[in-house]
């Protein structure tokens, strides 16, 4: 099973290659991840960058964690 984010306003979803727990962590600590990304010279893991991009694009929308098989 694969987990991801879904924007209930736009009906779009993204499924970064990571666990549900890490996706919850990123969504709950978005401000921390954004700050780290701004000051990180080596970049973040690809799943985190993909998740941040989706969350930034849908800021202010209703975002839920979803699963697919």
Protein backbone atom coordinates (compact mmCIF):
# COMPACT_ATOMS: atom_id res chain seq x y z
CA UNK A 1 0.00 0.00 0.00
CA UNK A 2 1.21 3.48 -0.85
CA UNK A 3 0.32 6.62 1.09
CA UNK A 4 0.14 10.22 -0.05
CA UNK A 5 -1.55 13.59 0.24
CA UNK A 6 -4.83 14.56 -1.39
CA UNK A 7 -6.19 18.08 -1.73
CA UNK A 8 -9.93 17.86 -1.16
CA UNK A 9 -10.42 21.28 -2.77
CA UNK A 10 -8.59 20.52 -6.05
CA UNK A 11 -9.08 16.72 -6.08
CA UNK A 12 -5.38 16.18 -6.86
CA UNK A 13 -3.04 13.80 -5.07
CA UNK A 14 0.65 13.02 -4.77
CA UNK A 15 2.24 9.81 -3.52
CA UNK A 16 5.86 10.43 -2.46
CA UNK A 17 7.89 7.28 -1.88
CA UNK A 18 7.83 7.14 1.92
CA UNK A 19 5.77 5.94 4.84
CA UNK A 20 2.47 7.25 6.21
CA UNK A 21 4.26 8.18 9.43
CA UNK A 22 6.77 10.38 7.61
CA UNK A 23 3.99 12.07 5.61
CA UNK A 24 2.15 12.85 8.83
CA UNK A 25 5.37 14.20 10.33
CA UNK A 26 5.94 16.49 7.33
CA UNK A 27 2.40 17.84 7.33
CA UNK A 28 2.45 18.43 11.10
CA UNK A 29 5.86 20.13 11.03
CA UNK A 30 5.62 21.94 7.73
CA UNK A 31 7.08 25.16 9.13
CA UNK A 32 10.17 23.27 10.36
CA UNK A 33 10.69 21.47 7.04
CA UNK A 34 10.36 24.73 5.10
CA UNK A 35 12.96 26.40 7.32
CA UNK A 36 15.38 23.47 6.94
CA UNK A 37 14.89 23.44 3.15
CA UNK A 38 15.81 27.13 2.94
CA UNK A 39 19.08 26.57 4.79
CA UNK A 40 20.06 23.15 3.49
CA UNK A 41 22.90 23.12 0.98
CA UNK A 42 22.61 19.37 0.32
CA UNK A 43 18.85 19.41 -0.17
CA UNK A 44 16.21 17.27 1.44
CA UNK A 45 15.21 13.71 0.63
CA UNK A 46 13.22 13.54 -2.60
CA UNK A 47 10.02 12.42 -0.84
CA UNK A 48 10.22 15.46 1.42
CA UNK A 49 10.78 17.88 -1.46
CA UNK A 50 7.86 16.33 -3.37
CA UNK A 51 5.64 16.58 -0.31
CA UNK A 52 6.68 20.17 0.42
CA UNK A 53 5.97 21.20 -3.16
CA UNK A 54 2.47 19.67 -3.01
CA UNK A 55 1.72 21.21 0.39
CA UNK A 56 2.98 24.62 -0.77
CA UNK A 57 0.88 24.45 -3.95
CA UNK A 58 -2.24 23.62 -1.92
CA UNK A 59 -1.62 25.90 1.07
CA UNK A 60 -4.91 26.82 2.75
CA UNK A 61 -6.72 23.87 1.16
CA UNK A 62 -8.06 20.80 2.99
CA UNK A 63 -5.26 18.23 2.75
CA UNK A 64 -5.79 14.63 3.87
CA UNK A 65 -3.57 11.56 3.97
CA UNK A 66 -4.76 8.86 1.57
CA UNK A 67 -3.75 5.32 0.62
CA UNK A 68 -3.82 3.38 -2.64
CA UNK A 69 -2.97 -0.14 -3.61
